[in-house]
C-alpha atoms as a PDB file:
ATOM      1  CA  MET A   1     118.129  72.818 114.453  1.00  0.00           C
ATOM      2  CA  LYS A   2     120.732  74.946 113.258  1.00  0.00           C
ATOM      3  CA  ILE A   3     120.256  78.448 111.337  1.00  0.00           C
ATOM      4  CA  ILE A   4     122.697  78.554 108.669  1.00  0.00           C
ATOM      5  CA  ASP A   5     124.029  82.128 108.227  1.00  0.00           C
ATOM      6  CA  ASP A   6     126.881  82.862 105.727  1.00  0.00           C
ATOM      7  CA  PRO A   7     127.814  86.206 104.412  1.00  0.00           C
ATOM      8  CA  ARG A   8     127.675  84.521 100.793  1.00  0.00           C
ATOM      9  CA  MET A   9     124.070  83.971 101.259  1.00  0.00           C
ATOM     10  CA  PRO A  10     121.370  86.525 100.145  1.00  0.00           C
ATOM     11  CA  VAL A  11     120.011  88.478 103.001  1.00  0.00           C
ATOM     12  CA  ALA A  12     116.516  87.840 104.453  1.00  0.00           C
ATOM     13  CA  ASN A  13     114.280  91.051 103.963  1.00  0.00           C
ATOM     14  CA  GLY A  14     112.122  89.826 106.884  1.00  0.00           C
ATOM     15  CA  HIS A  15     111.876  88.035 109.881  1.00  0.00           C
ATOM     16  CA  TYR A  16     112.825  84.577 108.743  1.00  0.00           C
ATOM     17  CA  SER A  17     115.850  82.704 108.230  1.00  0.00           C
ATOM     18  CA  MET A  18     117.358  81.778 104.744  1.00  0.00           C
ATOM     19  CA  CYS A  19     118.056  78.448 105.347  1.00  0.00           C
ATOM     20  CA  ILE A  20     117.949  75.958 108.351  1.00  0.00           C
ATOM     21  CA  GLU A  21     119.387  72.679 108.650  1.00  0.00           C
ATOM     22  CA  HIS A  22     117.584  69.916 110.670  1.00  0.00           C
ATOM     23  CA  ASN A  23     118.500  66.242 110.959  1.00  0.00           C
ATOM     24  CA  GLY A  24     120.741  66.600 107.993  1.00  0.00           C
ATOM     25  CA  THR A  25     118.144  68.321 105.574  1.00  0.00           C
ATOM     26  CA  LEU A  26     118.234  71.626 104.584  1.00  0.00           C
ATOM     27  CA  TYR A  27     115.076  73.830 104.277  1.00  0.00           C
ATOM     28  CA  ILE A  28     115.565  76.848 101.956  1.00  0.00           C
ATOM     29  CA  ALA A  29     113.360  79.924 102.211  1.00  0.00           C
ATOM     30  CA  GLY A  30     111.754  81.374  98.995  1.00  0.00           C
ATOM     31  CA  GLN A  31     114.147  83.103  96.575  1.00  0.00           C
ATOM     32  CA  LEU A  32     112.938  85.974  94.725  1.00  0.00           C
ATOM     33  CA  PRO A  33     114.906  87.516  91.814  1.00  0.00           C
ATOM     34  CA  LEU A  34     115.885  90.528  93.356  1.00  0.00           C
ATOM     35  CA  LEU A  35     119.418  91.655  92.541  1.00  0.00           C
ATOM     36  CA  SER A  36     121.684  93.199  95.143  1.00  0.00           C
ATOM     37  CA  ASP A  37     120.294  96.732  94.322  1.00  0.00           C
ATOM     38  CA  ARG A  38     117.056  95.459  94.574  1.00  0.00           C
ATOM     39  CA  SER A  39     116.205  95.625  90.702  1.00  0.00           C
ATOM     40  CA  ILE A  40     114.587  92.925  89.044  1.00  0.00           C
ATOM     41  CA  PRO A  41     115.707  91.379  85.646  1.00  0.00           C
ATOM     42  CA  ASN A  42     112.897  91.839  83.036  1.00  0.00           C
ATOM     43  CA  SER A  43     112.828  88.274  81.402  1.00  0.00           C
ATOM     44  CA  ILE A  44     111.354  85.060  83.244  1.00  0.00           C
ATOM     45  CA  GLU A  45     114.534  83.484  81.885  1.00  0.00           C
ATOM     46  CA  ALA A  46     116.662  85.696  83.489  1.00  0.00           C
ATOM     47  CA  GLN A  47     114.553  85.970  86.960  1.00  0.00           C
ATOM     48  CA  THR A  48     114.711  81.978  86.602  1.00  0.00           C
ATOM     49  CA  SER A  49     118.235  81.783  86.121  1.00  0.00           C
ATOM     50  CA  LEU A  50     118.850  84.299  89.278  1.00  0.00           C
ATOM     51  CA  VAL A  51     116.691  82.345  91.717  1.00  0.00           C
ATOM     52  CA  LEU A  52     118.634  79.069  90.782  1.00  0.00           C
ATOM     53  CA  GLN A  53     121.846  80.905  91.301  1.00  0.00           C
ATOM     54  CA  LYS A  54     120.864  81.889  94.571  1.00  0.00           C
ATOM     55  CA  LEU A  55     119.601  78.407  95.349  1.00  0.00           C
ATOM     56  CA  LYS A  56     122.976  77.379  94.437  1.00  0.00           C
ATOM     57  CA  THR A  57     124.817  79.954  96.633  1.00  0.00           C
ATOM     58  CA  ILE A  58     122.649  78.829  99.715  1.00  0.00           C
ATOM     59  CA  VAL A  59     123.080  75.023  99.118  1.00  0.00           C
ATOM     60  CA  GLU A  60     126.971  75.526  98.573  1.00  0.00           C
ATOM     61  CA  ALA A  61     127.299  77.789 101.766  1.00  0.00           C
ATOM     62  CA  ALA A  62     125.539  75.211 103.727  1.00  0.00           C
ATOM     63  CA  ASN A  63     128.152  72.687 102.797  1.00  0.00           C
ATOM     64  CA  SER A  64     125.867  70.873 100.266  1.00  0.00           C
ATOM     65  CA  SER A  65     125.498  70.868  96.622  1.00  0.00           C
ATOM     66  CA  VAL A  66     123.114  71.519  93.764  1.00  0.00           C
ATOM     67  CA  ASP A  67     122.867  67.641  93.018  1.00  0.00           C
ATOM     68  CA  ARG A  68     121.761  67.222  96.722  1.00  0.00           C
ATOM     69  CA  ILE A  69     118.759  69.197  96.238  1.00  0.00           C
ATOM     70  CA  ILE A  70     115.434  66.890  96.759  1.00  0.00           C
ATOM     71  CA  GLN A  71     112.714  69.030  96.326  1.00  0.00           C
ATOM     72  CA  VAL A  72     111.877  72.309  94.720  1.00  0.00           C
ATOM     73  CA  ARG A  73     108.893  74.439  94.966  1.00  0.00           C
ATOM     74  CA  ILE A  74     108.016  77.015  91.976  1.00  0.00           C
ATOM     75  CA  TYR A  75     105.612  79.705  92.271  1.00  0.00           C
ATOM     76  CA  LEU A  76     104.709  81.573  89.099  1.00  0.00           C
ATOM     77  CA  SER A  77     102.764  84.532  88.676  1.00  0.00           C
ATOM     78  CA  ASP A  78     101.757  83.150  84.944  1.00  0.00           C
ATOM     79  CA  ILE A  79     101.594  79.512  84.290  1.00  0.00           C
ATOM     80  CA  GLU A  80     102.045  80.690  80.651  1.00  0.00           C
ATOM     81  CA  MET A  81     105.803  80.997  81.432  1.00  0.00           C
ATOM     82  CA  TRP A  82     106.293  77.502  82.388  1.00  0.00           C
ATOM     83  CA  ASP A  83     107.811  76.316  79.372  1.00  0.00           C
ATOM     84  CA  LYS A  84     110.525  78.965  79.357  1.00  0.00           C
ATOM     85  CA  VAL A  85     111.173  78.258  83.112  1.00  0.00           C
ATOM     86  CA  ASN A  86     111.425  74.696  82.470  1.00  0.00           C
ATOM     87  CA  VAL A  87     114.055  75.179  79.818  1.00  0.00           C
ATOM     88  CA  GLU A  88     116.224  77.365  82.293  1.00  0.00           C
ATOM     89  CA  TYR A  89     115.473  74.643  85.197  1.00  0.00           C
ATOM     90  CA  ALA A  90     116.644  71.944  82.848  1.00  0.00           C
ATOM     91  CA  LYS A  91     119.985  73.529  81.962  1.00  0.00           C
ATOM     92  CA  PHE A  92     120.758  74.337  85.676  1.00  0.00           C
ATOM     93  CA  PHE A  93     120.135  70.777  86.983  1.00  0.00           C
ATOM     94  CA  ARG A  94     121.199  68.957  84.067  1.00  0.00           C
ATOM     95  CA  ALA A  95     121.052  65.075  84.699  1.00  0.00           C
ATOM     96  CA  HIS A  96     119.595  65.690  88.439  1.00  0.00           C
ATOM     97  CA  LYS A  97     115.658  65.693  88.506  1.00  0.00           C
ATOM     98  CA  PRO A  98     114.907  66.780  91.980  1.00  0.00           C
ATOM     99  CA  VAL A  99     111.001  66.215  92.817  1.00  0.00           C
ATOM    100  CA  ARG A 100     109.183  69.351  91.930  1.00  0.00           C
ATOM    101  CA  VAL A 101     105.739  71.304  92.193  1.00  0.00           C
ATOM    102  CA  VAL A 102     104.758  74.184  90.210  1.00  0.00           C
ATOM    103  CA  VAL A 103     102.079  76.559  91.838  1.00  0.00           C
ATOM    104  CA  PRO A 104     100.301  79.210  89.769  1.00  0.00           C
ATOM    105  CA  THR A 105      99.566  82.397  91.794  1.00  0.00           C
ATOM    106  CA  THR A 106      98.249  85.626  90.725  1.00  0.00           C
ATOM    107  CA  GLN A 107     100.915  88.151  92.375  1.00  0.00           C
ATOM    108  CA  LEU A 108     104.324  87.689  93.754  1.00  0.00           C
ATOM    109  CA  HIS A 109     106.181  90.188  96.069  1.00  0.00           C
ATOM    110  CA  TYR A 110     107.870  93.346  94.262  1.00  0.00           C
ATOM    111  CA  GLY A 111     105.934  92.324  91.030  1.00  0.00           C
ATOM    112  CA  CYS A 112     108.635  89.234  90.424  1.00  0.00           C
ATOM    113  CA  LEU A 113     107.459  86.686  87.971  1.00  0.00           C
ATOM    114  CA  ILE A 114     108.978  83.655  90.088  1.00  0.00           C
ATOM    115  CA  GLU A 115     109.797  82.461  93.411  1.00  0.00           C
ATOM    116  CA  LEU A 116     111.565  79.109  94.345  1.00  0.00           C
ATOM    117  CA  GLU A 117     112.011  77.460  97.783  1.00  0.00           C
ATOM    118  CA  ALA A 118     113.919  74.150  98.181  1.00  0.00           C
ATOM    119  CA  ILE A 119     114.689  71.094 100.298  1.00  0.00           C
ATOM    120  CA  ALA A 120     118.348  69.564 100.253  1.00  0.00           C
ATOM    121  CA  ALA A 121     120.302  67.030 101.823  1.00  0.00           C
ATOM    122  CA  VAL A 122     123.479  68.280 103.622  1.00  0.00           C
END
């Protein structure tokens, strides 16, 4: 097991690793749509785009790529936002279609509308 630590990656805001590689698989921690100044974009589209860009940064820092993402878990504070999230998700992944689960929740940390975690191959 190897903790992936790279200065390009977002910084963990607690006692956890952002990404761990084990046997050729990357396990990526939940990503919230927090900007570097800790602000949060207003729209679900902007928040979705931000967490997907964070995911891309992490997999690339771990010597992988977006097209090697196997599974994505998306947590939404309101399932009614799903259609807008799906549009941003499809633009990001294009022809690649990782397996996916969408989990409706009541609240996410800091008042975020979305959180995303993933598993990828190295």
